[in-house]
Protein backbone atom coordinates (compact mmCIF):
# COMPACT_ATOMS: atom_id res chain seq x y z
CA MET A 1 4.35 -36.90 185.07
CA ILE A 2 2.20 -37.06 188.23
CA LYS A 3 -0.32 -39.85 188.17
CA TYR A 4 -3.80 -39.17 189.46
CA SER A 5 -6.34 -41.71 190.70
CA ILE A 6 -8.92 -42.70 188.14
CA LYS A 7 -12.25 -42.94 189.95
CA LEU A 8 -15.63 -42.04 188.60
CA GLY A 9 -18.52 -41.03 190.84
CA ALA A 10 -21.78 -42.14 189.35
CA TYR A 11 -23.59 -39.38 191.14
CA ALA A 12 -21.16 -36.86 189.54
CA ILE A 13 -22.01 -38.14 186.04
CA VAL A 14 -25.75 -38.04 186.60
CA LEU A 15 -26.04 -34.83 188.59
CA LEU A 16 -23.29 -32.67 187.16
CA PHE A 17 -21.86 -33.19 183.68
CA PRO A 18 -19.51 -35.35 181.61
CA VAL A 19 -16.24 -35.55 183.56
CA HIS A 20 -12.77 -35.93 182.19
CA PRO A 21 -11.45 -39.49 182.80
CA LEU A 22 -8.48 -38.12 184.80
CA CYS A 23 -10.78 -36.67 187.45
CA SER A 24 -11.04 -38.57 190.77
CA GLU A 25 -14.09 -38.90 193.01
CA PRO A 26 -12.87 -36.28 195.53
CA VAL A 27 -12.34 -33.85 192.67
CA ALA A 28 -15.89 -34.46 191.45
CA ASN A 29 -17.16 -33.69 194.93
CA GLN A 30 -15.13 -30.50 194.93
CA TRP A 31 -16.57 -29.55 191.57
CA LEU A 32 -20.10 -30.06 192.83
CA SER A 33 -19.36 -27.98 195.92
CA GLN A 34 -17.67 -25.22 193.95
CA SER A 35 -20.50 -25.17 191.44
CA LYS A 36 -23.00 -24.58 194.23
CA ARG A 37 -20.75 -22.01 195.89
CA HIS A 38 -20.34 -20.04 192.66
CA GLN A 39 -24.07 -20.33 192.03
CA VAL A 40 -23.99 -21.38 188.36
CA LYS A 41 -27.60 -20.66 187.50
CA GLU A 42 -29.65 -21.71 184.50
CA PRO A 43 -27.15 -24.06 182.88
CA SER A 44 -29.38 -24.19 179.81
CA GLN A 45 -27.87 -20.91 178.65
CA TYR A 46 -24.51 -22.60 178.52
CA ARG A 47 -23.30 -25.39 176.32
CA ASP A 48 -24.33 -28.91 177.21
CA ALA A 49 -20.88 -29.78 178.53
CA PRO A 50 -18.23 -27.48 180.00
CA LEU A 51 -14.73 -27.35 178.65
CA PHE A 52 -12.19 -29.18 180.84
CA ARG A 53 -8.55 -28.18 180.97
CA ILE A 54 -5.61 -29.41 183.09
CA SER A 55 -2.52 -27.28 183.61
CA ASN A 56 0.14 -28.65 186.02
CA SER A 57 -1.83 -29.36 189.21
CA THR A 58 -4.82 -27.19 188.31
CA ALA A 59 -8.02 -28.28 186.57
CA SER A 60 -10.48 -25.80 185.04
CA LEU A 61 -14.13 -26.07 184.07
CA ILE A 62 -15.23 -23.48 181.55
CA TYR A 63 -18.94 -22.87 181.06
CA GLN A 64 -19.45 -21.01 177.82
CA SER A 65 -22.74 -19.65 176.52
CA LYS A 66 -24.18 -20.93 173.32
CA GLU A 67 -23.53 -17.61 171.68
CA ASN A 68 -19.90 -17.69 172.92
CA ILE A 69 -20.51 -14.34 174.59
CA ASN A 70 -20.34 -15.15 178.30
CA SER A 71 -18.26 -17.78 180.06
CA HIS A 72 -17.88 -18.98 183.66
CA THR A 73 -14.69 -20.68 184.80
CA ILE A 74 -14.18 -22.83 187.94
CA GLN A 75 -10.64 -23.90 188.88
CA PHE A 76 -9.60 -26.81 191.11
CA VAL A 77 -6.33 -27.95 192.60
CA LEU A 78 -5.66 -31.62 191.86
CA VAL A 79 -4.21 -33.63 194.74
CA PRO A 80 -1.80 -36.45 193.78
CA GLU A 81 -2.80 -39.96 194.85
CA ASP A 82 0.18 -40.52 197.16
CA ILE A 83 -0.64 -37.30 199.04
CA GLN A 84 -4.27 -38.41 199.31
CA LEU A 85 -3.07 -41.70 200.82
CA GLN A 86 -0.86 -39.80 203.27
CA ILE A 87 -3.78 -37.59 204.29
CA LYS A 88 -6.03 -40.63 204.70
CA SER A 89 -3.33 -42.49 206.68
CA SER A 90 -2.81 -39.46 208.92
CA SER A 91 -6.56 -39.20 209.46
CA ASP A 92 -6.74 -42.91 210.35
CA ASP A 93 -3.82 -42.55 212.80
CA GLN A 94 -5.54 -39.60 214.45
CA ALA A 95 -8.78 -41.60 214.78
CA LYS A 96 -6.90 -44.55 216.28
CA GLN A 97 -5.05 -42.25 218.68
CA LEU A 98 -8.35 -40.67 219.75
CA GLN A 99 -9.79 -44.15 220.30
CA ARG A 100 -6.76 -45.16 222.38
CA ASP A 101 -7.04 -41.94 224.41
CA ARG A 102 -10.73 -42.64 225.07
CA GLU A 103 -9.94 -46.22 226.13
CA GLU A 104 -7.14 -45.03 228.43
CA ARG A 105 -9.44 -42.43 230.00
CA ASP A 106 -12.17 -45.06 230.49
CA LEU A 107 -9.65 -47.49 232.03
CA SER A 108 -8.26 -44.76 234.29
CA ALA A 109 -11.79 -43.83 235.39
CA GLN A 110 -12.61 -47.49 236.11
CA GLU A 111 -9.39 -47.92 238.12
CA GLU A 112 -10.14 -44.76 240.09
CA MET A 113 -13.69 -45.93 240.80
CA ALA A 114 -12.35 -49.33 241.92
CA PHE A 115 -9.82 -47.64 244.21
CA TRP A 116 -12.40 -45.41 245.86
CA GLY A 117 -14.78 -48.36 246.13
CA LYS A 118 -12.16 -50.37 248.03
CA PHE A 119 -11.27 -47.33 250.11
CA SER A 120 -14.93 -46.80 251.06
CA PHE A 121 -15.29 -50.51 251.91
CA TRP A 122 -12.30 -50.52 254.26
CA VAL A 123 -13.38 -47.24 255.85
CA SER A 124 -16.85 -48.70 256.47
CA PHE A 125 -15.33 -51.94 257.78
CA GLY A 126 -13.03 -50.03 260.12
CA SER A 127 -15.93 -47.91 261.39
CA LEU A 128 -18.00 -51.04 261.98
CA LEU A 129 -15.11 -52.69 263.82
CA LEU A 130 -14.56 -49.63 266.00
CA THR A 131 -18.29 -49.50 266.74
CA ALA A 132 -18.29 -53.18 267.74
CA LEU A 133 -15.26 -52.65 269.98
CA GLY A 134 -16.96 -49.64 271.52
CA VAL A 135 -20.10 -51.67 272.22
CA VAL A 136 -18.02 -54.44 273.83
CA TYR A 137 -16.11 -51.90 275.92
CA VAL A 138 -19.31 -50.17 277.09
CA SER A 139 -20.91 -53.54 277.86
CA ARG A 140 -17.93 -54.65 279.93
CA THR A 141 -17.84 -51.30 281.70
CA ILE A 142 -21.52 -51.65 282.60
CA GLN A 143 -20.95 -55.21 283.79
CA ALA A 144 -17.98 -54.13 285.90
CA SER A 145 -20.03 -51.30 287.41
CA THR A 146 -22.89 -53.71 288.10
CA ARG A 147 -20.53 -56.18 289.79
CA ALA A 148 -19.00 -53.40 291.84
CA GLU A 149 -22.40 -52.10 292.95
CA ARG A 150 -24.10 -55.45 293.56
CA PRO A 151 -24.38 -57.00 297.03
CA HIS A 152 -21.96 -59.75 298.10
CA VAL A 153 -23.18 -61.80 301.08
CA ARG A 154 -20.60 -63.93 302.88
CA LEU A 155 -20.38 -65.78 306.18
CA PHE A 156 -18.61 -63.32 308.42
CA THR A 157 -17.80 -64.30 311.98
CA THR A 158 -18.54 -66.56 314.95
CA ILE A 159 -20.50 -65.14 317.86
CA LYS A 160 -19.30 -66.16 321.34
CA ARG A 161 -20.26 -65.26 324.87
CA LYS A 162 -17.31 -64.32 327.09
CA ASP A 163 -16.74 -63.49 330.73
CA LYS A 164 -15.20 -60.28 331.99
CA ASN A 165 -11.72 -61.71 331.56
CA GLY A 166 -12.35 -62.57 327.87
CA ARG A 167 -12.63 -66.28 328.46
CA ILE A 168 -15.09 -67.97 326.08
CA LEU A 169 -18.07 -69.24 327.95
CA GLU A 170 -20.23 -70.29 325.02
CA THR A 171 -20.06 -70.53 321.20
CA GLN A 172 -23.47 -69.44 319.94
CA GLY A 173 -23.42 -69.40 316.14
CA VAL A 174 -22.35 -67.46 313.04
CA THR A 175 -23.32 -64.21 311.29
CA PHE A 176 -23.28 -62.97 307.69
CA ARG A 177 -22.14 -59.70 306.18
CA ASN A 178 -22.90 -57.79 302.97
CA TYR A 179 -19.59 -56.74 301.39
CA GLY A 180 -21.26 -55.13 298.37
CA ARG A 181 -22.38 -51.54 297.76
CA THR A 182 -26.13 -52.12 297.60
CA PRO A 183 -28.54 -53.85 300.00
CA ALA A 184 -29.38 -57.55 299.74
CA LEU A 185 -32.84 -59.03 300.31
CA ILE A 186 -32.56 -62.39 302.10
CA ARG A 187 -34.77 -65.10 300.55
CA ARG A 188 -33.74 -68.48 302.00
CA LEU A 189 -31.14 -69.96 304.28
CA ASN A 190 -29.90 -73.56 304.53
CA ILE A 191 -27.55 -74.04 307.48
CA SER A 192 -26.43 -76.80 309.84
CA TYR A 193 -23.66 -77.45 312.40
CA VAL A 194 -22.33 -81.02 312.30
CA LEU A 195 -19.50 -83.25 313.50
CA ALA A 196 -17.95 -85.08 310.52
CA ASP A 197 -14.74 -86.70 309.31
CA SER A 198 -14.64 -84.63 306.07
CA PRO A 199 -16.21 -81.38 304.82
CA PRO A 200 -19.95 -81.85 304.08
CA ASP A 201 -21.44 -80.74 300.76
CA PRO A 202 -23.42 -77.46 301.14
CA ARG A 203 -25.80 -78.64 298.40
CA LYS A 204 -26.92 -81.51 300.63
CA CYS A 205 -27.96 -79.38 303.60
CA THR A 206 -31.62 -80.37 304.08
CA PHE A 207 -32.79 -77.80 306.59
CA GLU A 208 -34.18 -74.65 304.96
CA ARG A 209 -35.63 -71.52 306.46
CA THR A 210 -37.39 -68.79 304.48
CA TYR A 211 -37.53 -65.10 305.38
CA PRO A 212 -40.11 -62.34 304.83
CA ASP A 213 -39.65 -59.60 302.25
CA ASP A 214 -38.44 -57.13 304.87
CA SER A 215 -35.32 -59.17 305.68
CA VAL A 216 -32.92 -56.64 304.19
CA MET A 217 -29.16 -56.80 304.71
CA PRO A 218 -27.73 -53.27 304.28
CA GLN A 219 -24.25 -52.53 303.02
CA ASP A 220 -21.47 -53.43 305.49
CA GLU A 221 -24.01 -54.57 308.08
CA LEU A 222 -24.12 -57.85 309.98
CA TRP A 223 -27.07 -60.18 309.66
CA PRO A 224 -28.92 -61.05 311.80
CA TYR A 225 -28.71 -57.59 313.35
CA LYS A 226 -27.35 -57.91 316.94
CA GLY A 227 -27.76 -61.65 316.79
CA PHE A 228 -26.49 -64.90 315.27
CA ILE A 229 -27.71 -67.96 313.38
CA PRO A 230 -28.24 -70.76 315.91
CA GLN A 231 -28.59 -74.47 315.34
CA PHE A 232 -32.14 -75.00 314.04
CA GLU A 233 -32.22 -78.76 314.51
CA GLY A 234 -30.10 -81.23 316.44
CA MET A 235 -27.55 -80.51 319.15
CA PRO A 236 -26.90 -76.83 320.05
CA VAL A 237 -23.69 -75.31 318.78
CA ASN A 238 -22.10 -75.06 322.23
CA GLU A 239 -22.72 -78.78 322.89
CA LEU A 240 -21.15 -79.65 319.53
CA VAL A 241 -18.08 -77.58 320.48
CA LYS A 242 -17.71 -79.54 323.71
CA GLU A 243 -18.04 -82.86 321.83
CA HIS A 244 -15.44 -81.65 319.33
CA LYS A 245 -12.96 -80.92 322.11
CA ARG A 246 -13.66 -84.20 323.86
CA THR A 247 -13.52 -86.57 320.86
CA GLY A 248 -11.36 -84.64 318.41
CA LYS A 249 -13.95 -84.92 315.66
CA ARG A 250 -14.04 -82.14 313.13
CA LEU A 251 -16.84 -79.59 313.55
CA PHE A 252 -18.32 -77.83 310.50
CA VAL A 253 -20.98 -75.25 309.71
CA TYR A 254 -22.25 -75.53 306.12
CA GLY A 255 -25.19 -74.60 303.89
CA LYS A 256 -26.37 -71.99 301.37
CA ILE A 257 -27.83 -68.49 301.64
CA VAL A 258 -30.01 -67.14 298.80
CA TYR A 259 -30.59 -63.39 298.35
CA ALA A 260 -31.75 -60.90 295.70
CA ASP A 261 -29.99 -57.77 294.48
CA ALA A 262 -31.53 -54.37 293.74
CA PHE A 263 -32.62 -55.58 290.27
CA GLY A 264 -34.46 -58.61 291.68
CA LYS A 265 -31.88 -61.11 290.44
CA GLU A 266 -31.35 -63.99 292.85
CA ARG A 267 -27.82 -64.91 293.88
CA TYR A 268 -26.44 -67.40 296.36
CA THR A 269 -23.40 -68.23 298.45
CA ARG A 270 -22.47 -71.80 299.42
CA PHE A 271 -20.29 -72.09 302.49
CA CYS A 272 -18.46 -74.71 304.54
CA ARG A 273 -16.30 -73.60 307.47
CA GLU A 274 -14.44 -75.66 310.07
CA PHE A 275 -14.17 -74.88 313.78
CA ASN A 276 -10.55 -74.27 314.85
CA GLY A 277 -11.11 -74.14 318.63
CA ARG A 278 -12.23 -70.51 318.71
CA SER A 279 -14.08 -69.70 315.45
CA PHE A 280 -15.47 -71.21 312.28
CA THR A 281 -13.02 -70.43 309.50
CA TYR A 282 -11.71 -71.67 306.15
CA ASN A 283 -9.87 -74.95 306.00
CA ARG A 284 -7.23 -74.08 303.41
CA SER A 285 -6.93 -77.68 302.23
CA ASP A 286 -10.54 -77.86 301.05
CA VAL A 287 -11.69 -74.27 300.57
CA ASN A 288 -13.24 -74.89 297.17
CA GLU A 289 -13.52 -78.53 296.16
CA ASN A 290 -14.89 -78.54 292.56
CA LYS A 291 -16.87 -75.38 293.35
CA ARG A 292 -18.87 -77.22 296.01
CA LEU A 293 -17.43 -75.51 299.08
CA ASN A 294 -17.52 -71.75 299.63
CA PHE A 295 -18.74 -70.92 296.14
CA ALA A 296 -20.71 -67.76 295.35
CA THR A 297 -22.50 -66.26 292.35
C-alpha cells in the first residue's frame, strides 16, 4: 500500500474543515484552491463536515445538504511522498543550475569587461607613445631646420698684397665668412696676432672691438667687405711675418667673434690659426684642445 505523508496545515483546519489524517499539507492547499475554483457557496446549507473518501490515488470531498437532497463533490489526485521528494529535488536542482548559470554569466561578463579594459589601456598607452614620438620627431626636425638655416661665422682666409708676378709683398690680415643660410649681425670681435711658442687661448684675448647694429654679414659674403681685420694693437701683421721668418717663432692669430642670428640669439666662434709661410691655417696637432681652440656654438 502506498504511504502518504502525514502533515496537517493549521490554516487548513481553521479555514476549511476537519481533514482526514491521511491528507498532506499540499493536498490541503489543493483542496482550498479547488474549493474556491468550484465556488462552494453558503456552506451553511451543507453538513458541518464533508464526507472524505480515498480510492486508489484519488481523494474525494463530498458536500451534502442537510436534507440529503443536493451534494457537491470535489476530487483530488494524491501524490505519493517519494514522488513529491523527486519533484522537490528536481526543483532544487533546477534552481541550483539557474544560480550556476547566472554566476557563470556574471563571471564571463566580468572577464570580458576586464579584457576590454586592458585593451583600452594598451591602445591609449600606444597612442600616447606614438604622440610622444611624433612630438620628439617634429622637435628634432625643427631643430635640424633651424641649424641648417642659422648663420655660421668662421675665419675664412688671409688677405695679402701681391705684385704683378704673384709674389707676396705684404700680409695684411684675415677675413671672416658666413657659411650659414641667414645673415649674421656682428656684435663683438676679440682678435690679436702674436708670436708664441704654443697656441694661445682665445678666451684670454684681451683686445675687444664692438660694432654698430648695421654690421651685417650676409650669406656667403666676406667680412669686412672688400677689406681685412688688421692688427689693432702692437706690431703690424706684416712686421710679425718678417720676425717669424727671421727667428722661426710661431705666428698665431687668435680670438673670438660674437654675432646674433635672425632670432636675436647670440652665438660665438673661438679661433686660433697658425701662419704657415703664406696663410693663417689650422695646425692639425692642436685644432681643438679641450674645446678651447677653434670652437663654435
